[in-house]
Amino acid sequence: MAQSDAGLWQVLAEHAGGIQAVAAVVSVAAVLVLAVLGWRAIAAVRRIATAVEDQLAAQRAHSAARQSELIALVQMFSRLLADLPTSREDADALRSCALWDEHDLTRIQRLAAEESPQCGERAALAGAPVRWLRERIAEVKAIRPDVAVRWDHFPWSRWEEELDRARARIGETGTLAAGGEVDLRRAPPKTPREAAPTPPPVARVSSPVAVG
């Protein structure tokens, strides 16, 4: 056994140079393999980071586009509401004013809810007064041009309340959508108590003979 061990050591001693060379080659090869693996891992991480950045950029662009759409719709509604008459003296303007699409209001509420909870809440609160105003305008527009409207039967008091409320809520929605601030601690005015359905404005046929 002792002779066998001695022989092994003698062989190792005789080939020490070769063994060291092989060990050096193996060591260098291991380092190269680790370097290649490390480079590939870094490249993979970079690809993932680039993909994530591209996705985030697309999301930001999408959010910005929807925000711009929301602001444009709010501005349109603000102009329409600003053009509505506020008193009996300008009542005839209701017959020629623009009538917005119900889909536009629904779109505002959906986009506002995506923007922020506060913005969505303000847009939701605008729904009731805006729809009530639209119904009254539609009733007036349904009257033929040759028929005069009995404006003394029109609900002017509630009209002014709902118009003020609609303008305020739409304005707050636009402010929040543009990144502004609204005093959310102040509770918005409550919707008037539900009353009996408002009858359409009473109309009478205008007689050409009656025109002086």
N, C-alpha and C. Protein backbone atom coordinates (compact mmCIF):
# COMPACT_ATOMS: atom_id res chain seq x y z
N MET A 1 0.84 -1.20 0.00
CA MET A 1 0.00 0.00 0.00
C MET A 1 0.86 1.24 0.00
N ALA A 2 1.94 1.17 0.86
CA ALA A 2 2.85 2.29 0.96
C ALA A 2 3.56 2.51 -0.36
N GLN A 3 3.97 1.37 -1.02
CA GLN A 3 4.64 1.50 -2.29
C GLN A 3 3.72 2.11 -3.36
N SER A 4 2.40 1.72 -3.29
CA SER A 4 1.43 2.25 -4.26
C SER A 4 1.28 3.75 -4.10
N ASP A 5 1.19 4.22 -2.84
CA ASP A 5 1.06 5.65 -2.58
C ASP A 5 2.30 6.40 -3.05
N ALA A 6 3.44 5.77 -2.79
CA ALA A 6 4.70 6.42 -3.18
C ALA A 6 4.77 6.53 -4.69
N GLY A 7 4.28 5.49 -5.39
CA GLY A 7 4.30 5.53 -6.84
C GLY A 7 3.38 6.61 -7.39
N LEU A 8 2.23 6.80 -6.74
CA LEU A 8 1.27 7.82 -7.17
C LEU A 8 1.87 9.20 -7.02
N TRP A 9 2.49 9.42 -5.89
CA TRP A 9 3.10 10.73 -5.66
C TRP A 9 4.24 10.98 -6.64
N GLN A 10 4.95 9.92 -6.98
CA GLN A 10 6.04 10.07 -7.93
C GLN A 10 5.52 10.46 -9.31
N VAL A 11 4.36 9.82 -9.68
CA VAL A 11 3.77 10.14 -10.98
C VAL A 11 3.29 11.60 -11.00
N LEU A 12 2.65 11.99 -9.89
CA LEU A 12 2.16 13.38 -9.82
C LEU A 12 3.30 14.37 -9.87
N ALA A 13 4.39 13.99 -9.21
CA ALA A 13 5.53 14.89 -9.21
C ALA A 13 6.14 15.01 -10.59
N GLU A 14 6.19 13.88 -11.30
CA GLU A 14 6.78 13.91 -12.62
C GLU A 14 5.92 14.71 -13.61
N HIS A 15 4.60 14.68 -13.40
CA HIS A 15 3.69 15.38 -14.34
C HIS A 15 3.08 16.64 -13.72
N ALA A 16 3.74 17.18 -12.74
CA ALA A 16 3.19 18.37 -12.04
C ALA A 16 2.98 19.53 -13.01
N GLY A 17 3.93 19.72 -13.91
CA GLY A 17 3.78 20.83 -14.85
C GLY A 17 2.56 20.67 -15.73
N GLY A 18 2.37 19.44 -16.24
CA GLY A 18 1.22 19.19 -17.11
C GLY A 18 -0.10 19.35 -16.37
N ILE A 19 -0.12 18.84 -15.13
CA ILE A 19 -1.34 18.96 -14.33
C ILE A 19 -1.68 20.42 -14.07
N GLN A 20 -0.69 21.21 -13.75
CA GLN A 20 -0.91 22.64 -13.52
C GLN A 20 -1.42 23.33 -14.77
N ALA A 21 -0.88 22.91 -15.90
CA ALA A 21 -1.34 23.52 -17.16
C ALA A 21 -2.81 23.19 -17.43
N VAL A 22 -3.14 21.89 -17.20
CA VAL A 22 -4.55 21.49 -17.38
C VAL A 22 -5.45 22.25 -16.43
N ALA A 23 -5.03 22.38 -15.17
CA ALA A 23 -5.83 23.09 -14.17
C ALA A 23 -6.01 24.56 -14.58
N ALA A 24 -4.96 25.17 -15.13
CA ALA A 24 -5.06 26.56 -15.56
C ALA A 24 -6.05 26.70 -16.70
N VAL A 25 -5.98 25.74 -17.65
CA VAL A 25 -6.92 25.78 -18.78
C VAL A 25 -8.35 25.64 -18.30
N VAL A 26 -8.56 24.68 -17.39
CA VAL A 26 -9.91 24.47 -16.85
C VAL A 26 -10.39 25.72 -16.11
N SER A 27 -9.50 26.34 -15.37
CA SER A 27 -9.86 27.55 -14.62
C SER A 27 -10.25 28.67 -15.56
N VAL A 28 -9.42 28.85 -16.62
CA VAL A 28 -9.73 29.89 -17.59
C VAL A 28 -11.05 29.60 -18.29
N ALA A 29 -11.28 28.32 -18.64
CA ALA A 29 -12.53 27.94 -19.30
C ALA A 29 -13.73 28.23 -18.39
N ALA A 30 -13.58 27.92 -17.10
CA ALA A 30 -14.67 28.18 -16.15
C ALA A 30 -14.97 29.67 -16.06
N VAL A 31 -13.89 30.47 -16.04
CA VAL A 31 -14.08 31.92 -15.98
C VAL A 31 -14.80 32.43 -17.22
N LEU A 32 -14.39 31.89 -18.40
CA LEU A 32 -15.02 32.31 -19.65
C LEU A 32 -16.50 31.93 -19.67
N VAL A 33 -16.80 30.71 -19.19
CA VAL A 33 -18.21 30.27 -19.15
C VAL A 33 -19.02 31.18 -18.24
N LEU A 34 -18.46 31.47 -17.07
CA LEU A 34 -19.17 32.36 -16.15
C LEU A 34 -19.35 33.76 -16.74
N ALA A 35 -18.33 34.22 -17.47
CA ALA A 35 -18.42 35.54 -18.09
C ALA A 35 -19.51 35.57 -19.15
N VAL A 36 -19.56 34.50 -19.97
CA VAL A 36 -20.60 34.43 -21.01
C VAL A 36 -21.97 34.38 -20.37
N LEU A 37 -22.13 33.55 -19.34
CA LEU A 37 -23.42 33.45 -18.66
C LEU A 37 -23.81 34.79 -18.03
N GLY A 38 -22.82 35.45 -17.43
CA GLY A 38 -23.10 36.75 -16.83
C GLY A 38 -23.52 37.79 -17.88
N TRP A 39 -22.81 37.78 -19.02
CA TRP A 39 -23.15 38.72 -20.10
C TRP A 39 -24.56 38.46 -20.61
N ARG A 40 -24.91 37.18 -20.79
CA ARG A 40 -26.25 36.84 -21.24
C ARG A 40 -27.32 37.27 -20.22
N ALA A 41 -27.00 37.07 -18.95
CA ALA A 41 -27.96 37.48 -17.90
C ALA A 41 -28.16 39.00 -17.92
N ILE A 42 -27.06 39.74 -18.08
CA ILE A 42 -27.17 41.20 -18.13
C ILE A 42 -27.98 41.64 -19.35
N ALA A 43 -27.72 40.98 -20.49
CA ALA A 43 -28.46 41.31 -21.71
C ALA A 43 -29.95 41.03 -21.52
N ALA A 44 -30.26 39.90 -20.87
CA ALA A 44 -31.67 39.56 -20.64
C ALA A 44 -32.33 40.59 -19.73
N VAL A 45 -31.61 41.01 -18.69
CA VAL A 45 -32.15 42.02 -17.78
C VAL A 45 -32.39 43.33 -18.52
N ARG A 46 -31.45 43.69 -19.40
CA ARG A 46 -31.60 44.93 -20.16
C ARG A 46 -32.82 44.86 -21.09
N ARG A 47 -33.01 43.69 -21.72
CA ARG A 47 -34.17 43.53 -22.60
C ARG A 47 -35.47 43.65 -21.81
N ILE A 48 -35.50 43.04 -20.63
CA ILE A 48 -36.70 43.13 -19.79
C ILE A 48 -36.94 44.57 -19.36
N ALA A 49 -35.86 45.26 -18.96
CA ALA A 49 -35.99 46.66 -18.53
C ALA A 49 -36.49 47.53 -19.67
N THR A 50 -35.97 47.28 -20.88
CA THR A 50 -36.42 48.06 -22.05
C THR A 50 -37.88 47.80 -22.34
N ALA A 51 -38.29 46.54 -22.25
CA ALA A 51 -39.69 46.19 -22.50
C ALA A 51 -40.61 46.86 -21.47
N VAL A 52 -40.17 46.85 -20.21
CA VAL A 52 -40.97 47.48 -19.16
C VAL A 52 -41.07 48.99 -19.40
N GLU A 53 -39.94 49.61 -19.77
CA GLU A 53 -39.96 51.05 -20.05
C GLU A 53 -40.87 51.38 -21.23
N ASP A 54 -40.83 50.55 -22.27
CA ASP A 54 -41.71 50.77 -23.43
C ASP A 54 -43.18 50.63 -23.03
N GLN A 55 -43.46 49.64 -22.20
CA GLN A 55 -44.83 49.44 -21.75
C GLN A 55 -45.32 50.61 -20.91
N LEU A 56 -44.46 51.08 -20.02
CA LEU A 56 -44.82 52.23 -19.19
C LEU A 56 -45.03 53.48 -20.04
N ALA A 57 -44.18 53.65 -21.04
CA ALA A 57 -44.32 54.81 -21.93
C ALA A 57 -45.64 54.73 -22.70
N ALA A 58 -46.00 53.53 -23.14
CA ALA A 58 -47.28 53.36 -23.85
C ALA A 58 -48.45 53.64 -22.92
N GLN A 59 -48.33 53.19 -21.68
CA GLN A 59 -49.39 53.45 -20.72
C GLN A 59 -49.52 54.94 -20.43
N ARG A 60 -48.38 55.62 -20.30
CA ARG A 60 -48.42 57.05 -20.05
C ARG A 60 -49.04 57.79 -21.23
N ALA A 61 -48.68 57.37 -22.44
CA ALA A 61 -49.26 58.00 -23.63
C ALA A 61 -50.76 57.76 -23.70
N HIS A 62 -51.17 56.54 -23.36
CA HIS A 62 -52.60 56.21 -23.36
C HIS A 62 -53.34 57.04 -22.33
N SER A 63 -52.77 57.15 -21.13
CA SER A 63 -53.40 57.94 -20.07
C SER A 63 -53.48 59.41 -20.46
N ALA A 64 -52.41 59.92 -21.09
CA ALA A 64 -52.41 61.32 -21.50
C ALA A 64 -53.46 61.57 -22.57
N ALA A 65 -53.62 60.61 -23.49
CA ALA A 65 -54.63 60.77 -24.54
C ALA A 65 -56.04 60.78 -23.96
N ARG A 66 -56.29 59.91 -22.99
CA ARG A 66 -57.62 59.85 -22.38
C ARG A 66 -57.86 61.10 -21.52
N GLN A 67 -56.81 61.60 -20.88
CA GLN A 67 -56.95 62.84 -20.12
C GLN A 67 -57.28 64.00 -21.04
N SER A 68 -56.61 64.06 -22.18
CA SER A 68 -56.88 65.13 -23.15
C SER A 68 -58.31 65.04 -23.67
N GLU A 69 -58.77 63.82 -23.91
CA GLU A 69 -60.16 63.63 -24.37
C GLU A 69 -61.14 64.10 -23.31
N LEU A 70 -60.86 63.76 -22.04
CA LEU A 70 -61.74 64.18 -20.95
C LEU A 70 -61.79 65.70 -20.86
N ILE A 71 -60.65 66.35 -20.93
CA ILE A 71 -60.61 67.82 -20.82
C ILE A 71 -61.35 68.44 -21.99
N ALA A 72 -61.20 67.87 -23.19
CA ALA A 72 -61.89 68.42 -24.37
C ALA A 72 -63.41 68.28 -24.22
N LEU A 73 -63.87 67.14 -23.72
CA LEU A 73 -65.31 66.94 -23.52
C LEU A 73 -65.85 67.89 -22.45
N VAL A 74 -65.09 68.06 -21.38
CA VAL A 74 -65.52 68.97 -20.31
C VAL A 74 -65.61 70.40 -20.84
N GLN A 75 -64.63 70.80 -21.63
CA GLN A 75 -64.66 72.15 -22.21
C GLN A 75 -65.87 72.33 -23.12
N MET A 76 -66.19 71.29 -23.90
CA MET A 76 -67.36 71.35 -24.77
C MET A 76 -68.63 71.52 -23.94
N PHE A 77 -68.76 70.72 -22.87
CA PHE A 77 -69.94 70.81 -22.02
C PHE A 77 -70.01 72.17 -21.34
N SER A 78 -68.86 72.67 -20.92
CA SER A 78 -68.85 73.97 -20.25
C SER A 78 -69.36 75.06 -21.18
N ARG A 79 -68.94 75.01 -22.46
CA ARG A 79 -69.42 76.00 -23.42
C ARG A 79 -70.92 75.86 -23.66
N LEU A 80 -71.39 74.62 -23.79
CA LEU A 80 -72.83 74.40 -24.02
C LEU A 80 -73.66 74.90 -22.84
N LEU A 81 -73.20 74.61 -21.64
CA LEU A 81 -73.93 75.06 -20.45
C LEU A 81 -73.87 76.57 -20.30
N ALA A 82 -72.73 77.16 -20.68
CA ALA A 82 -72.59 78.62 -20.57
C ALA A 82 -73.53 79.34 -21.53
N ASP A 83 -73.87 78.69 -22.64
CA ASP A 83 -74.74 79.33 -23.64
C ASP A 83 -76.22 79.21 -23.30
N LEU A 84 -76.57 78.41 -22.31
CA LEU A 84 -77.98 78.24 -21.97
C LEU A 84 -78.51 79.47 -21.25
N PRO A 85 -79.73 79.84 -21.54
CA PRO A 85 -80.32 81.02 -20.86
C PRO A 85 -80.54 80.75 -19.38
N THR A 86 -80.45 81.81 -18.60
CA THR A 86 -80.63 81.67 -17.15
C THR A 86 -81.91 82.33 -16.66
N SER A 87 -82.64 82.97 -17.56
CA SER A 87 -83.86 83.64 -17.11
C SER A 87 -84.89 83.66 -18.23
N ARG A 88 -86.08 84.08 -17.89
CA ARG A 88 -87.19 84.12 -18.83
C ARG A 88 -86.92 85.07 -19.99
N GLU A 89 -86.13 86.12 -19.76
CA GLU A 89 -85.87 87.11 -20.79
C GLU A 89 -85.19 86.51 -22.02
N ASP A 90 -84.37 85.47 -21.81
CA ASP A 90 -83.64 84.84 -22.92
C ASP A 90 -84.20 83.47 -23.26
N ALA A 91 -85.45 83.25 -22.92
CA ALA A 91 -86.04 81.91 -23.05
C ALA A 91 -85.99 81.38 -24.47
N ASP A 92 -86.20 82.23 -25.46
CA ASP A 92 -86.25 81.76 -26.84
C ASP A 92 -84.95 81.12 -27.30
N ALA A 93 -83.86 81.40 -26.59
CA ALA A 93 -82.58 80.79 -26.96
C ALA A 93 -82.62 79.27 -26.79
N LEU A 94 -83.53 78.76 -25.97
CA LEU A 94 -83.64 77.32 -25.78
C LEU A 94 -84.06 76.61 -27.07
N ARG A 95 -84.74 77.33 -27.94
CA ARG A 95 -85.24 76.70 -29.16
C ARG A 95 -84.13 76.49 -30.18
N SER A 96 -83.04 77.23 -30.04
CA SER A 96 -81.95 77.13 -31.01
C SER A 96 -80.63 76.64 -30.40
N CYS A 97 -80.60 76.38 -29.10
CA CYS A 97 -79.35 75.96 -28.46
C CYS A 97 -79.00 74.53 -28.88
N ALA A 98 -77.73 74.20 -28.76
CA ALA A 98 -77.26 72.86 -29.11
C ALA A 98 -77.71 71.85 -28.06
N LEU A 99 -78.05 70.66 -28.52
CA LEU A 99 -78.46 69.58 -27.62
C LEU A 99 -77.40 68.49 -27.66
N TRP A 100 -76.74 68.29 -26.54
CA TRP A 100 -75.63 67.34 -26.50
C TRP A 100 -76.14 65.90 -26.51
N ASP A 101 -75.23 65.01 -26.85
CA ASP A 101 -75.53 63.59 -26.88
C ASP A 101 -75.36 63.00 -25.48
N GLU A 102 -76.29 62.14 -25.09
CA GLU A 102 -76.19 61.50 -23.78
C GLU A 102 -74.91 60.68 -23.67
N HIS A 103 -74.45 60.16 -24.79
CA HIS A 103 -73.20 59.37 -24.78
C HIS A 103 -72.02 60.21 -24.33
N ASP A 104 -72.02 61.51 -24.64
CA ASP A 104 -70.90 62.37 -24.25
C ASP A 104 -70.79 62.48 -22.74
N LEU A 105 -71.93 62.58 -22.06
CA LEU A 105 -71.90 62.65 -20.60
C LEU A 105 -71.41 61.34 -20.01
N THR A 106 -71.89 60.22 -20.55
CA THR A 106 -71.43 58.92 -20.07
C THR A 106 -69.93 58.76 -20.28
N ARG A 107 -69.43 59.27 -21.39
CA ARG A 107 -68.00 59.19 -21.68
C ARG A 107 -67.21 60.01 -20.67
N ILE A 108 -67.69 61.19 -20.36
CA ILE A 108 -67.03 62.03 -19.36
C ILE A 108 -66.95 61.30 -18.02
N GLN A 109 -68.04 60.70 -17.61
CA GLN A 109 -68.07 60.02 -16.32
C GLN A 109 -67.11 58.83 -16.29
N ARG A 110 -67.01 58.11 -17.41
CA ARG A 110 -66.10 56.96 -17.45
C ARG A 110 -64.64 57.42 -17.41
N LEU A 111 -64.32 58.43 -18.20
CA LEU A 111 -62.94 58.92 -18.23
C LEU A 111 -62.56 59.57 -16.90
N ALA A 112 -63.49 60.28 -16.29
CA ALA A 112 -63.21 60.93 -15.01
C ALA A 112 -62.95 59.89 -13.92
N ALA A 113 -63.70 58.80 -13.94
CA ALA A 113 -63.49 57.74 -12.95
C ALA A 113 -62.11 57.11 -13.11
N GLU A 114 -61.60 57.04 -14.34
CA GLU A 114 -60.25 56.53 -14.57
C GLU A 114 -59.20 57.52 -14.09
N GLU A 115 -59.51 58.81 -14.17
CA GLU A 115 -58.54 59.84 -13.79
C GLU A 115 -58.25 59.81 -12.30
N SER A 116 -59.29 59.81 -11.48
CA SER A 116 -59.12 59.75 -10.03
C SER A 116 -60.49 59.56 -9.39
N PRO A 117 -60.53 59.04 -8.16
CA PRO A 117 -61.83 58.88 -7.48
C PRO A 117 -62.56 60.21 -7.30
N GLN A 118 -61.80 61.27 -6.97
CA GLN A 118 -62.44 62.57 -6.75
C GLN A 118 -63.02 63.12 -8.05
N CYS A 119 -62.28 62.98 -9.14
CA CYS A 119 -62.75 63.45 -10.43
C CYS A 119 -63.99 62.66 -10.86
N GLY A 120 -63.95 61.35 -10.64
CA GLY A 120 -65.10 60.52 -10.98
C GLY A 120 -66.33 60.88 -10.16
N GLU A 121 -66.12 61.23 -8.89
CA GLU A 121 -67.25 61.61 -8.04
C GLU A 121 -67.91 62.88 -8.55
N ARG A 122 -67.10 63.88 -8.93
CA ARG A 122 -67.64 65.15 -9.43
C ARG A 122 -68.41 64.94 -10.73
N ALA A 123 -67.86 64.10 -11.62
CA ALA A 123 -68.55 63.82 -12.87
C ALA A 123 -69.86 63.08 -12.63
N ALA A 124 -69.86 62.18 -11.66
CA ALA A 124 -71.09 61.45 -11.34
C ALA A 124 -72.16 62.41 -10.80
N LEU A 125 -71.72 63.38 -9.98
CA LEU A 125 -72.67 64.34 -9.42
C LEU A 125 -73.24 65.26 -10.50
N ALA A 126 -72.52 65.41 -11.61
CA ALA A 126 -73.01 66.25 -12.69
C ALA A 126 -74.11 65.55 -13.49
N GLY A 127 -74.21 64.25 -13.35
CA GLY A 127 -75.14 63.49 -14.17
C GLY A 127 -76.59 63.91 -14.03
N ALA A 128 -77.09 63.99 -12.80
CA ALA A 128 -78.51 64.28 -12.59
C ALA A 128 -78.91 65.65 -13.14
N PRO A 129 -78.22 66.74 -12.78
CA PRO A 129 -78.63 68.04 -13.31
C PRO A 129 -78.46 68.16 -14.83
N VAL A 130 -77.41 67.58 -15.37
CA VAL A 130 -77.19 67.66 -16.82
C VAL A 130 -78.30 66.93 -17.57
N ARG A 131 -78.70 65.76 -17.06
CA ARG A 131 -79.78 65.02 -17.73
C ARG A 131 -81.11 65.75 -17.60
N TRP A 132 -81.35 66.36 -16.44
CA TRP A 132 -82.61 67.10 -16.26
C TRP A 132 -82.68 68.28 -17.24
N LEU A 133 -81.58 68.99 -17.38
CA LEU A 133 -81.54 70.11 -18.33
C LEU A 133 -81.78 69.62 -19.76
N ARG A 134 -81.16 68.51 -20.10
CA ARG A 134 -81.31 67.99 -21.45
C ARG A 134 -82.77 67.63 -21.74
N GLU A 135 -83.43 67.04 -20.76
CA GLU A 135 -84.83 66.68 -20.96
C GLU A 135 -85.70 67.91 -21.21
N ARG A 136 -85.44 68.99 -20.46
CA ARG A 136 -86.24 70.20 -20.66
C ARG A 136 -85.96 70.81 -22.05
N ILE A 137 -84.69 70.83 -22.45
CA ILE A 137 -84.35 71.38 -23.77
C ILE A 137 -85.01 70.55 -24.87
N ALA A 138 -84.95 69.22 -24.73
CA ALA A 138 -85.55 68.35 -25.73
C ALA A 138 -87.06 68.59 -25.83
N GLU A 139 -87.71 68.84 -24.70
CA GLU A 139 -89.15 69.12 -24.73
C GLU A 139 -89.44 70.40 -25.50
N VAL A 140 -88.62 71.42 -25.27
CA VAL A 140 -88.82 72.69 -25.99
C VAL A 140 -88.57 72.51 -27.48
N LYS A 141 -87.50 71.78 -27.83
CA LYS A 141 -87.17 71.58 -29.23
C LYS A 141 -88.21 70.72 -29.95
N ALA A 142 -88.96 69.93 -29.19
CA ALA A 142 -89.98 69.09 -29.81
C ALA A 142 -91.18 69.90 -30.30
N ILE A 143 -91.31 71.14 -29.83
CA ILE A 143 -92.42 72.00 -30.25
C ILE A 143 -92.12 72.57 -31.64
N ARG A 144 -93.08 72.52 -32.50
CA ARG A 144 -92.88 73.00 -33.87
C ARG A 144 -92.51 74.49 -33.89
N PRO A 145 -91.72 74.89 -34.87
CA PRO A 145 -91.31 76.30 -34.94
C PRO A 145 -92.47 77.27 -35.05
N ASP A 146 -93.60 76.84 -35.62
CA ASP A 146 -94.74 77.73 -35.77
C ASP A 146 -95.63 77.75 -34.54
N VAL A 147 -95.16 77.16 -33.46
CA VAL A 147 -95.93 77.11 -32.21
C VAL A 147 -95.16 77.89 -31.14
N ALA A 148 -95.85 78.76 -30.47
CA ALA A 148 -95.22 79.56 -29.41
C ALA A 148 -95.26 78.81 -28.09
N VAL A 149 -94.22 78.95 -27.30
CA VAL A 149 -94.10 78.26 -26.02
C VAL A 149 -94.68 79.12 -24.91
N ARG A 150 -95.44 78.51 -24.05
CA ARG A 150 -95.95 79.21 -22.87
C ARG A 150 -94.84 79.20 -21.79
N TRP A 151 -93.95 80.16 -21.89
CA TRP A 151 -92.80 80.18 -20.99
C TRP A 151 -93.19 80.40 -19.54
N ASP A 152 -94.38 80.92 -19.29
CA ASP A 152 -94.80 81.10 -17.91
C ASP A 152 -95.07 79.75 -17.23
N HIS A 153 -95.19 78.69 -18.02
CA HIS A 153 -95.36 77.35 -17.44
C HIS A 153 -94.04 76.59 -17.32
N PHE A 154 -92.96 77.20 -17.75
CA PHE A 154 -91.65 76.55 -17.69
C PHE A 154 -91.10 76.65 -16.26
N PRO A 155 -90.47 75.57 -15.74
CA PRO A 155 -89.96 75.57 -14.35
C PRO A 155 -88.67 76.37 -14.20
N TRP A 156 -88.77 77.68 -14.29
CA TRP A 156 -87.56 78.51 -14.30
C TRP A 156 -86.77 78.43 -13.00
N SER A 157 -87.45 78.34 -11.87
CA SER A 157 -86.73 78.29 -10.59
C SER A 157 -85.83 77.07 -10.52
N ARG A 158 -86.38 75.92 -10.83
CA ARG A 158 -85.55 74.71 -10.78
C ARG A 158 -84.53 74.72 -11.92
N TRP A 159 -84.89 75.27 -13.06
CA TRP A 159 -83.95 75.37 -14.17
C TRP A 159 -82.67 76.08 -13.74
N GLU A 160 -82.82 77.21 -13.05
CA GLU A 160 -81.65 77.97 -12.61
C GLU A 160 -80.83 77.16 -11.60
N GLU A 161 -81.51 76.44 -10.70
CA GLU A 161 -80.79 75.63 -9.71
C GLU A 161 -79.99 74.52 -10.39
N GLU A 162 -80.65 73.80 -11.28
CA GLU A 162 -79.98 72.68 -11.94
C GLU A 162 -78.86 73.17 -12.86
N LEU A 163 -79.06 74.31 -13.50
CA LEU A 163 -78.02 74.86 -14.37
C LEU A 163 -76.80 75.26 -13.56
N ASP A 164 -77.00 75.90 -12.43
CA ASP A 164 -75.87 76.27 -11.57
C ASP A 164 -75.14 75.03 -11.07
N ARG A 165 -75.91 74.03 -10.70
CA ARG A 165 -75.31 72.80 -10.20
C ARG A 165 -74.52 72.08 -11.30
N ALA A 166 -75.08 72.02 -12.48
CA ALA A 166 -74.39 71.35 -13.59
C ALA A 166 -73.10 72.07 -13.94
N ARG A 167 -73.16 73.41 -14.02
CA ARG A 167 -71.95 74.17 -14.34
C ARG A 167 -70.87 73.96 -13.29
N ALA A 168 -71.26 73.94 -12.02
CA ALA A 168 -70.27 73.77 -10.95
C ALA A 168 -69.62 72.40 -11.00
N ARG A 169 -70.44 71.35 -11.15
CA ARG A 169 -69.88 69.99 -11.14
C ARG A 169 -69.02 69.72 -12.38
N ILE A 170 -69.46 70.19 -13.54
CA ILE A 170 -68.65 70.01 -14.74
C ILE A 170 -67.35 70.80 -14.62
N GLY A 171 -67.43 72.02 -14.08
CA GLY A 171 -66.23 72.82 -13.88
C GLY A 171 -65.25 72.16 -12.94
N GLU A 172 -65.74 71.57 -11.84
CA GLU A 172 -64.86 70.88 -10.90
C GLU A 172 -64.24 69.65 -11.54
N THR A 173 -65.00 68.97 -12.36
CA THR A 173 -64.45 67.80 -13.07
C THR A 173 -63.28 68.22 -13.96
N GLY A 174 -63.45 69.33 -14.68
CA GLY A 174 -62.38 69.82 -15.53
C GLY A 174 -61.16 70.26 -14.74
N THR A 175 -61.39 70.91 -13.61
CA THR A 175 -60.27 71.35 -12.78
C THR A 175 -59.45 70.17 -12.29
N LEU A 176 -60.12 69.13 -11.80
CA LEU A 176 -59.42 67.94 -11.30
C LEU A 176 -58.74 67.18 -12.43
N ALA A 177 -59.37 67.13 -13.60
CA ALA A 177 -58.77 66.43 -14.73
C ALA A 177 -57.49 67.12 -15.19
N ALA A 178 -57.44 68.44 -15.06
CA ALA A 178 -56.26 69.19 -15.47
C ALA A 178 -55.19 69.24 -14.40
N GLY A 179 -55.41 68.55 -13.29
CA GLY A 179 -54.42 68.52 -12.22
C GLY A 179 -54.60 69.59 -11.18
N GLY A 180 -55.71 70.32 -11.23
CA GLY A 180 -55.97 71.35 -10.23
C GLY A 180 -56.56 70.76 -8.96
N GLU A 181 -56.93 71.64 -8.07
CA GLU A 181 -57.46 71.21 -6.78
C GLU A 181 -58.86 71.79 -6.58
N VAL A 182 -59.69 71.00 -5.90
CA VAL A 182 -61.05 71.40 -5.56
C VAL A 182 -61.24 71.13 -4.09
N ASP A 183 -61.94 72.03 -3.41
CA ASP A 183 -62.19 71.84 -1.99
C ASP A 183 -63.22 70.73 -1.82
N LEU A 184 -62.71 69.50 -1.67
CA LEU A 184 -63.61 68.34 -1.56
C LEU A 184 -64.21 68.22 -0.17
N ARG A 185 -63.71 69.01 0.78
CA ARG A 185 -64.30 68.94 2.12
C ARG A 185 -65.66 69.60 2.15
N ARG A 186 -65.88 70.51 1.20
CA ARG A 186 -67.18 71.17 1.12
C ARG A 186 -68.13 70.28 0.34
N ALA A 187 -69.16 69.83 1.02
CA ALA A 187 -70.12 68.94 0.38
C ALA A 187 -70.84 69.67 -0.74
N PRO A 188 -70.99 69.04 -1.89
CA PRO A 188 -71.71 69.67 -3.00
C PRO A 188 -73.19 69.82 -2.66
N PRO A 189 -73.85 70.79 -3.25
CA PRO A 189 -75.28 70.98 -2.98
C PRO A 189 -76.05 69.71 -3.28
N LYS A 190 -77.00 69.42 -2.44
CA LYS A 190 -77.80 68.22 -2.65
C LYS A 190 -78.79 68.44 -3.78
N THR A 191 -79.10 67.33 -4.44
CA THR A 191 -80.07 67.40 -5.51
C THR A 191 -81.44 67.71 -4.91
N PRO A 192 -82.21 68.59 -5.52
CA PRO A 192 -83.53 68.91 -4.97
C PRO A 192 -84.36 67.65 -4.80
N ARG A 193 -85.24 67.68 -3.85
CA ARG A 193 -86.08 66.52 -3.59
C ARG A 193 -86.87 66.18 -4.85
N GLU A 194 -87.07 64.92 -5.01
CA GLU A 194 -87.77 64.45 -6.19
C GLU A 194 -89.20 64.99 -6.20
N ALA A 195 -89.50 65.66 -7.27
CA ALA A 195 -90.85 66.22 -7.41
C ALA A 195 -91.59 65.45 -8.48
N ALA A 196 -92.84 65.82 -8.67
CA ALA A 196 -93.61 65.18 -9.73
C ALA A 196 -92.96 65.49 -11.07
N PRO A 197 -93.07 64.57 -12.03
CA PRO A 197 -92.44 64.81 -13.33
C PRO A 197 -92.87 66.15 -13.91
N THR A 198 -91.89 66.89 -14.41
CA THR A 198 -92.18 68.21 -14.97
C THR A 198 -92.88 68.07 -16.31
N PRO A 199 -94.08 68.62 -16.46
CA PRO A 199 -94.77 68.51 -17.74
C PRO A 199 -94.06 69.35 -18.79
N PRO A 200 -94.18 68.95 -20.05
CA PRO A 200 -93.55 69.75 -21.11
C PRO A 200 -94.18 71.12 -21.19
N PRO A 201 -93.44 72.12 -21.63
CA PRO A 201 -93.98 73.47 -21.73
C PRO A 201 -95.25 73.49 -22.58
N VAL A 202 -96.27 74.14 -22.05
CA VAL A 202 -97.54 74.21 -22.77
C VAL A 202 -97.36 75.11 -23.98
N ALA A 203 -97.84 74.69 -25.09
CA ALA A 203 -97.69 75.46 -26.32
C ALA A 203 -99.05 75.84 -26.88
N ARG A 204 -99.05 76.92 -27.63
CA ARG A 204 -100.27 77.35 -28.31
C ARG A 204 -99.90 77.75 -29.73
N VAL A 205 -100.82 77.52 -30.65
CA VAL A 205 -100.55 77.84 -32.04
C VAL A 205 -100.58 79.34 -32.23
N SER A 206 -99.53 79.86 -32.85
CA SER A 206 -99.48 81.28 -33.11
C SER A 206 -100.35 81.61 -34.33
N SER A 207 -101.22 82.53 -34.16
CA SER A 207 -102.10 82.88 -35.27
C SER A 207 -101.53 84.08 -36.01
N PRO A 208 -101.33 83.97 -37.32
CA PRO A 208 -100.80 85.11 -38.08
C PRO A 208 -101.72 86.30 -37.98
N VAL A 209 -102.98 86.05 -37.74
CA VAL A 209 -103.92 87.17 -37.65
C VAL A 209 -103.68 87.97 -36.39
N ALA A 210 -103.18 87.28 -35.36
CA ALA A 210 -102.97 87.97 -34.09
C ALA A 210 -101.73 88.82 -34.10
N VAL A 211 -100.88 88.65 -35.06
CA VAL A 211 -99.66 89.43 -35.11
C VAL A 211 -99.99 90.82 -35.62
N GLY A 212 -99.66 91.83 -34.79
CA GLY A 212 -99.98 93.20 -35.17
C GLY A 212 -99.02 93.65 -36.21
